[in-house]
Structure formats: structure tokens, C-alpha cells
Amino acid sequence: MLVTSDKPVLPRSHSASSALPWVTTVSRLVLAGVLIVAGWGKIGTPVLSVQAVKAYELLPDSLATVVGYGLPILEIVIGVLLVVGLLTRVAGIISALLMLAFVIGIASAWARGLRIDCGCFGGGGQLKAGVEPDYLIDILRDAGFFALGVVVAWFPPGRFALDSALGLTSVREPYDDDIEGDDEKPYEKENH
């Protein structure tokens, strides 16, 4: 009796694919929380929000005023969309673009020697004498939020998302239990 065998064909691990919906859900909810808190901190004092935008000295006063008044509303609306998982990819793209704009604005202020508070969660404007800006921390924080926005935009919305419940996801979610290519037969010994 001759026994021959090939290497066993092992099924692909489902651990990475089963974690993806949770990763996107956590990314979506963290980003949502940050946007809602940031918007909420500014919406009650729109004059300070306008002051914070103007402190960057990047936009004409009239446009800075519009951005200062509109940004808190946009942050809250996008945050709520992310919480409920509705229009998730669009909200993720807008979130990522906002975070990129914040990174660029903060880096620009730093490069030009401005001494301002980022105004990210309210307040903003010129720093008081003796107070040093935390530009590097602000940039790293917003770069991390940018990465979360990319995750939210790139991958399906994850768990507890209205997009999934309403059938609004445009592609089949890659974390379905049926992963292509894993339907191979388990290792079988051949007896000759």
C-alpha cells in the first residue's frame, strides 16, 4: 500500500474578515463622537468659531465668517450621519477632507509662526502671552482622525449601520461568511 499526500489545504482565517465590521464600526463611532463634540463646542458661540477661523489668516474675512458659522453645523450633521451609519461613505469622505484641511491649516499656522489655538473644540484665536501652541499634537491627532475617515470611506459601514439595513451599500461586504476561495475541500488522504 502506497500512501501519498499533498500538503493539507487549510481554510483561510476568518479572524481578519470577521474583525473588519467591528473596526469600521469603531472608526465610524469614534469619528462621529469627535465631530459632534467639536461642533457642539462651537455652535453655542459662533462668534468664537468665526474668530478661530479668521486667526488662521488663510481665508478672506467674508469666507472665514461663513466657514466659522457653517463648520459647527457641518460637523454635527456629519457626526450624526456617522452614528446612525447613513450615507456612510460620503460622511467618511467629508470627514477625511475636513481633517486634512485641519492638518493643513494647523501646519500652515505653525510654518508661518502664528501663535493660535486651533479652535478645534471651541474657543480659538490668538494665544495668551506665555502659552505655547500644541501644533504637533493637534496635527498628529487630526492625522489619526483623517485615517479613521479613510477607513470609514473605504470599507463597508460595519455593524449597526442604516446603510446596510436599507441596502444602500454599493458593493458586497467582504466580511460575509462566504469568502471566495475558501470552499476548497479539506485535506483528504489518498490511498493507492
C-alpha atoms as a PDB file:
ATOM      1  CA  MET A   1       0.000   0.000   0.000  1.00  0.00           C
ATOM      2  CA  LEU A   2       1.386   3.345  -1.045  1.00  0.00           C
ATOM      3  CA  VAL A   3       0.195   6.443   0.768  1.00  0.00           C
ATOM      4  CA  THR A   4       0.761   9.742  -0.944  1.00  0.00           C
ATOM      5  CA  SER A   5      -0.206  13.059   0.362  1.00  0.00           C
ATOM      6  CA  ASP A   6      -0.056  16.624  -0.637  1.00  0.00           C
ATOM      7  CA  LYS A   7       0.226  19.402   1.848  1.00  0.00           C
ATOM      8  CA  PRO A   8      -3.122  19.954   3.502  1.00  0.00           C
ATOM      9  CA  VAL A   9      -5.201  22.793   2.196  1.00  0.00           C
ATOM     10  CA  LEU A  10      -6.069  24.899   5.185  1.00  0.00           C
ATOM     11  CA  PRO A  11      -9.059  27.205   5.062  1.00  0.00           C
ATOM     12  CA  ARG A  12      -8.304  30.883   5.129  1.00  0.00           C
ATOM     13  CA  SER A  13      -8.560  32.505   8.503  1.00  0.00           C
ATOM     14  CA  HIS A  14     -11.801  34.332   9.068  1.00  0.00           C
ATOM     15  CA  SER A  15     -10.433  36.326  12.005  1.00  0.00           C
ATOM     16  CA  ALA A  16      -9.355  39.323   9.905  1.00  0.00           C
ATOM     17  CA  SER A  17     -12.554  39.366   7.892  1.00  0.00           C
ATOM     18  CA  SER A  18     -14.729  38.947  10.973  1.00  0.00           C
ATOM     19  CA  ALA A  19     -12.949  41.833  12.728  1.00  0.00           C
ATOM     20  CA  LEU A  20     -13.392  44.276   9.833  1.00  0.00           C
ATOM     21  CA  PRO A  21     -17.021  45.206  10.539  1.00  0.00           C
ATOM     22  CA  TRP A  22     -16.091  45.991  14.131  1.00  0.00           C
ATOM     23  CA  VAL A  23     -13.051  48.023  13.072  1.00  0.00           C
ATOM     24  CA  THR A  24     -15.169  50.112  10.715  1.00  0.00           C
ATOM     25  CA  THR A  25     -17.918  50.472  13.309  1.00  0.00           C
ATOM     26  CA  VAL A  26     -15.491  51.680  15.975  1.00  0.00           C
ATOM     27  CA  SER A  27     -13.801  54.015  13.456  1.00  0.00           C
ATOM     28  CA  ARG A  28     -17.187  55.404  12.446  1.00  0.00           C
ATOM     29  CA  LEU A  29     -18.336  55.964  16.033  1.00  0.00           C
ATOM     30  CA  VAL A  30     -15.069  57.491  17.278  1.00  0.00           C
ATOM     31  CA  LEU A  31     -15.021  59.920  14.358  1.00  0.00           C
ATOM     32  CA  ALA A  32     -18.711  60.689  14.922  1.00  0.00           C
ATOM     33  CA  GLY A  33     -18.105  61.413  18.595  1.00  0.00           C
ATOM     34  CA  VAL A  34     -15.200  63.732  17.830  1.00  0.00           C
ATOM     35  CA  LEU A  35     -17.181  65.657  15.208  1.00  0.00           C
ATOM     36  CA  ILE A  36     -20.265  66.010  17.393  1.00  0.00           C
ATOM     37  CA  VAL A  37     -18.242  67.171  20.403  1.00  0.00           C
ATOM     38  CA  ALA A  38     -16.238  69.605  18.224  1.00  0.00           C
ATOM     39  CA  GLY A  39     -19.376  71.007  16.587  1.00  0.00           C
ATOM     40  CA  TRP A  40     -21.272  71.208  19.860  1.00  0.00           C
ATOM     41  CA  GLY A  41     -18.398  73.113  21.469  1.00  0.00           C
ATOM     42  CA  LYS A  42     -18.602  75.764  18.761  1.00  0.00           C
ATOM     43  CA  ILE A  43     -22.281  76.013  17.903  1.00  0.00           C
ATOM     44  CA  GLY A  44     -23.232  77.882  21.087  1.00  0.00           C
ATOM     45  CA  THR A  45     -20.594  80.566  20.497  1.00  0.00           C
ATOM     46  CA  PRO A  46     -20.473  81.154  16.749  1.00  0.00           C
ATOM     47  CA  VAL A  47     -18.548  84.423  17.182  1.00  0.00           C
ATOM     48  CA  LEU A  48     -15.658  82.468  18.712  1.00  0.00           C
ATOM     49  CA  SER A  49     -15.859  79.925  15.902  1.00  0.00           C
ATOM     50  CA  VAL A  50     -15.574  82.746  13.352  1.00  0.00           C
ATOM     51  CA  GLN A  51     -12.685  84.230  15.357  1.00  0.00           C
ATOM     52  CA  ALA A  52     -10.901  80.856  15.334  1.00  0.00           C
ATOM     53  CA  VAL A  53     -11.223  80.522  11.541  1.00  0.00           C
ATOM     54  CA  LYS A  54     -10.033  84.092  10.990  1.00  0.00           C
ATOM     55  CA  ALA A  55      -6.994  83.503  13.245  1.00  0.00           C
ATOM     56  CA  TYR A  56      -5.548  81.124  10.633  1.00  0.00           C
ATOM     57  CA  GLU A  57      -5.311  84.035   8.161  1.00  0.00           C
ATOM     58  CA  LEU A  58      -5.986  81.726   5.228  1.00  0.00           C
ATOM     59  CA  LEU A  59      -9.398  82.916   4.015  1.00  0.00           C
ATOM     60  CA  PRO A  60     -10.837  86.329   3.177  1.00  0.00           C
ATOM     61  CA  ASP A  61     -12.867  87.689   6.107  1.00  0.00           C
ATOM     62  CA  SER A  62     -16.221  87.151   4.398  1.00  0.00           C
ATOM     63  CA  LEU A  63     -15.442  83.499   3.625  1.00  0.00           C
ATOM     64  CA  ALA A  64     -13.917  82.937   7.071  1.00  0.00           C
ATOM     65  CA  THR A  65     -17.169  84.196   8.581  1.00  0.00           C
ATOM     66  CA  VAL A  66     -19.240  81.759   6.512  1.00  0.00           C
ATOM     67  CA  VAL A  67     -16.911  78.885   7.425  1.00  0.00           C
ATOM     68  CA  GLY A  68     -16.949  79.881  11.089  1.00  0.00           C
ATOM     69  CA  TYR A  69     -20.742  79.808  11.222  1.00  0.00           C
ATOM     70  CA  GLY A  70     -21.173  76.752   8.986  1.00  0.00           C
ATOM     71  CA  LEU A  71     -18.447  74.451  10.309  1.00  0.00           C
ATOM     72  CA  PRO A  72     -20.120  73.544  13.626  1.00  0.00           C
ATOM     73  CA  ILE A  73     -23.351  72.661  11.823  1.00  0.00           C
ATOM     74  CA  LEU A  74     -21.480  70.558   9.253  1.00  0.00           C
ATOM     75  CA  GLU A  75     -19.530  68.753  11.991  1.00  0.00           C
ATOM     76  CA  ILE A  76     -22.696  67.877  13.911  1.00  0.00           C
ATOM     77  CA  VAL A  77     -24.611  66.739  10.814  1.00  0.00           C
ATOM     78  CA  ILE A  78     -21.726  64.555   9.598  1.00  0.00           C
ATOM     79  CA  GLY A  79     -21.284  63.192  13.125  1.00  0.00           C
ATOM     80  CA  VAL A  80     -24.952  62.197  13.347  1.00  0.00           C
ATOM     81  CA  LEU A  81     -24.794  60.537   9.906  1.00  0.00           C
ATOM     82  CA  LEU A  82     -21.798  58.526  11.099  1.00  0.00           C
ATOM     83  CA  VAL A  83     -23.521  57.496  14.345  1.00  0.00           C
ATOM     84  CA  VAL A  84     -26.526  56.083  12.508  1.00  0.00           C
ATOM     85  CA  GLY A  85     -24.443  54.816   9.583  1.00  0.00           C
ATOM     86  CA  LEU A  86     -26.380  56.665   6.898  1.00  0.00           C
ATOM     87  CA  LEU A  87     -24.584  57.890   3.763  1.00  0.00           C
ATOM     88  CA  THR A  88     -21.532  56.497   5.488  1.00  0.00           C
ATOM     89  CA  ARG A  89     -19.060  56.649   2.598  1.00  0.00           C
ATOM     90  CA  VAL A  90     -19.966  60.261   1.826  1.00  0.00           C
ATOM     91  CA  ALA A  91     -19.735  61.167   5.515  1.00  0.00           C
ATOM     92  CA  GLY A  92     -16.380  59.380   5.718  1.00  0.00           C
ATOM     93  CA  ILE A  93     -15.040  61.262   2.701  1.00  0.00           C
ATOM     94  CA  ILE A  94     -16.225  64.615   4.056  1.00  0.00           C
ATOM     95  CA  SER A  95     -14.758  63.778   7.479  1.00  0.00           C
ATOM     96  CA  ALA A  96     -11.403  62.825   5.964  1.00  0.00           C
ATOM     97  CA  LEU A  97     -11.335  66.003   3.865  1.00  0.00           C
ATOM     98  CA  LEU A  98     -12.200  68.119   6.921  1.00  0.00           C
ATOM     99  CA  MET A  99      -9.411  66.510   8.930  1.00  0.00           C
ATOM    100  CA  LEU A 100      -6.972  67.011   6.060  1.00  0.00           C
ATOM    101  CA  ALA A 101      -7.971  70.678   5.863  1.00  0.00           C
ATOM    102  CA  PHE A 102      -7.437  70.989   9.619  1.00  0.00           C
ATOM    103  CA  VAL A 103      -3.974  69.393   9.354  1.00  0.00           C
ATOM    104  CA  ILE A 104      -3.034  71.740   6.507  1.00  0.00           C
ATOM    105  CA  GLY A 105      -4.393  74.775   8.364  1.00  0.00           C
ATOM    106  CA  ILE A 106      -2.555  73.945  11.589  1.00  0.00           C
ATOM    107  CA  ALA A 107       0.687  73.154   9.725  1.00  0.00           C
ATOM    108  CA  SER A 108       0.350  76.441   7.835  1.00  0.00           C
ATOM    109  CA  ALA A 109      -0.140  78.398  11.058  1.00  0.00           C
ATOM    110  CA  TRP A 110       2.894  76.670  12.551  1.00  0.00           C
ATOM    111  CA  ALA A 111       5.060  77.301   9.472  1.00  0.00           C
ATOM    112  CA  ARG A 112       4.096  80.981   9.411  1.00  0.00           C
ATOM    113  CA  GLY A 113       4.878  81.428  13.106  1.00  0.00           C
ATOM    114  CA  LEU A 114       1.297  82.171  14.180  1.00  0.00           C
ATOM    115  CA  ARG A 115       0.546  81.599  17.858  1.00  0.00           C
ATOM    116  CA  ILE A 116      -3.069  80.476  17.847  1.00  0.00           C
ATOM    117  CA  ASP A 117      -5.307  77.920  19.481  1.00  0.00           C
ATOM    118  CA  CYS A 118      -6.588  75.537  16.815  1.00  0.00           C
ATOM    119  CA  GLY A 119     -10.196  76.182  17.853  1.00  0.00           C
ATOM    120  CA  CYS A 120     -10.935  72.539  17.181  1.00  0.00           C
ATOM    121  CA  PHE A 121     -13.316  72.077  20.097  1.00  0.00           C
ATOM    122  CA  GLY A 122     -14.376  75.673  20.636  1.00  0.00           C
ATOM    123  CA  GLY A 123     -12.544  78.829  21.511  1.00  0.00           C
ATOM    124  CA  GLY A 124      -9.623  79.578  19.260  1.00  0.00           C
ATOM    125  CA  GLY A 125      -7.884  82.738  18.209  1.00  0.00           C
ATOM    126  CA  GLN A 126      -4.637  84.204  19.490  1.00  0.00           C
ATOM    127  CA  LEU A 127      -2.959  82.510  22.448  1.00  0.00           C
ATOM    128  CA  LYS A 128      -2.356  84.447  25.649  1.00  0.00           C
ATOM    129  CA  ALA A 129       1.171  85.554  26.459  1.00  0.00           C
ATOM    130  CA  GLY A 130       3.331  82.703  27.755  1.00  0.00           C
ATOM    131  CA  VAL A 131       1.086  79.989  26.315  1.00  0.00           C
ATOM    132  CA  GLU A 132       2.748  77.829  23.674  1.00  0.00           C
ATOM    133  CA  PRO A 133       0.781  76.242  20.828  1.00  0.00           C
ATOM    134  CA  ASP A 134       0.492  72.447  20.662  1.00  0.00           C
ATOM    135  CA  TYR A 135       0.693  72.239  16.891  1.00  0.00           C
ATOM    136  CA  LEU A 136       2.426  68.850  16.683  1.00  0.00           C
ATOM    137  CA  ILE A 137      -0.131  67.218  18.973  1.00  0.00           C
ATOM    138  CA  ASP A 138      -3.003  68.834  17.038  1.00  0.00           C
ATOM    139  CA  ILE A 139      -1.558  67.672  13.706  1.00  0.00           C
ATOM    140  CA  LEU A 140      -0.969  64.097  14.907  1.00  0.00           C
ATOM    141  CA  ARG A 141      -4.459  63.933  16.427  1.00  0.00           C
ATOM    142  CA  ASP A 142      -6.128  65.202  13.264  1.00  0.00           C
ATOM    143  CA  ALA A 143      -3.975  62.920  11.095  1.00  0.00           C
ATOM    144  CA  GLY A 144      -5.287  59.996  13.141  1.00  0.00           C
ATOM    145  CA  PHE A 145      -8.853  61.210  12.621  1.00  0.00           C
ATOM    146  CA  PHE A 146      -8.077  61.563   8.909  1.00  0.00           C
ATOM    147  CA  ALA A 147      -7.059  57.884   8.898  1.00  0.00           C
ATOM    148  CA  LEU A 148     -10.358  56.964  10.583  1.00  0.00           C
ATOM    149  CA  GLY A 149     -12.204  58.929   7.894  1.00  0.00           C
ATOM    150  CA  VAL A 150     -10.362  56.976   5.197  1.00  0.00           C
ATOM    151  CA  VAL A 151     -11.289  53.673   6.884  1.00  0.00           C
ATOM    152  CA  VAL A 152     -14.934  54.749   7.072  1.00  0.00           C
ATOM    153  CA  ALA A 153     -14.948  55.855   3.423  1.00  0.00           C
ATOM    154  CA  TRP A 154     -13.027  52.860   2.073  1.00  0.00           C
ATOM    155  CA  PHE A 155     -14.697  49.921   3.796  1.00  0.00           C
ATOM    156  CA  PRO A 156     -18.354  48.958   4.237  1.00  0.00           C
ATOM    157  CA  PRO A 157     -20.096  50.784   7.095  1.00  0.00           C
ATOM    158  CA  GLY A 158     -19.782  47.992   9.645  1.00  0.00           C
ATOM    159  CA  ARG A 159     -22.314  46.967  12.264  1.00  0.00           C
ATOM    160  CA  PHE A 160     -25.438  48.870  13.275  1.00  0.00           C
ATOM    161  CA  ALA A 161     -25.483  50.996  10.112  1.00  0.00           C
ATOM    162  CA  LEU A 162     -28.640  52.147   8.379  1.00  0.00           C
ATOM    163  CA  ASP A 163     -26.805  51.909   5.040  1.00  0.00           C
ATOM    164  CA  SER A 164     -26.644  48.127   5.463  1.00  0.00           C
ATOM    165  CA  ALA A 165     -30.198  47.810   6.775  1.00  0.00           C
ATOM    166  CA  LEU A 166     -31.572  49.878   3.895  1.00  0.00           C
ATOM    167  CA  GLY A 167     -29.462  48.121   1.265  1.00  0.00           C
ATOM    168  CA  LEU A 168     -27.531  51.286   0.431  1.00  0.00           C
ATOM    169  CA  THR A 169     -24.089  49.687   0.395  1.00  0.00           C
ATOM    170  CA  SER A 170     -22.845  49.684  -3.175  1.00  0.00           C
ATOM    171  CA  VAL A 171     -20.702  46.565  -3.043  1.00  0.00           C
ATOM    172  CA  ARG A 172     -20.932  43.217  -1.385  1.00  0.00           C
ATOM    173  CA  GLU A 173     -19.388  43.430   2.032  1.00  0.00           C
ATOM    174  CA  PRO A 174     -16.113  41.487   2.141  1.00  0.00           C
ATOM    175  CA  TYR A 175     -16.768  40.208   5.634  1.00  0.00           C
ATOM    176  CA  ASP A 176     -19.668  37.978   4.686  1.00  0.00           C
ATOM    177  CA  ASP A 177     -19.213  34.449   5.969  1.00  0.00           C
ATOM    178  CA  ASP A 178     -18.827  33.248   2.394  1.00  0.00           C
ATOM    179  CA  ILE A 179     -15.293  34.232   1.477  1.00  0.00           C
ATOM    180  CA  GLU A 180     -14.400  33.467  -2.093  1.00  0.00           C
ATOM    181  CA  GLY A 181     -11.813  30.748  -2.390  1.00  0.00           C
ATOM    182  CA  ASP A 182     -12.487  29.093   0.953  1.00  0.00           C
ATOM    183  CA  ASP A 183     -14.765  26.424  -0.448  1.00  0.00           C
ATOM    184  CA  GLU A 184     -11.912  24.019  -1.127  1.00  0.00           C
ATOM    185  CA  LYS A 185     -12.311  20.517   0.208  1.00  0.00           C
ATOM    186  CA  PRO A 186     -10.484  19.692   3.382  1.00  0.00           C
ATOM    187  CA  TYR A 187      -7.348  17.627   3.177  1.00  0.00           C
ATOM    188  CA  GLU A 188      -8.054  14.094   2.054  1.00  0.00           C
ATOM    189  CA  LYS A 189      -5.641  11.196   2.175  1.00  0.00           C
ATOM    190  CA  GLU A 190      -5.341   9.243  -0.949  1.00  0.00           C
ATOM    191  CA  ASN A 191      -4.751   5.533  -0.664  1.00  0.00           C
ATOM    192  CA  HIS A 192      -3.371   3.739  -3.659  1.00  0.00           C
END
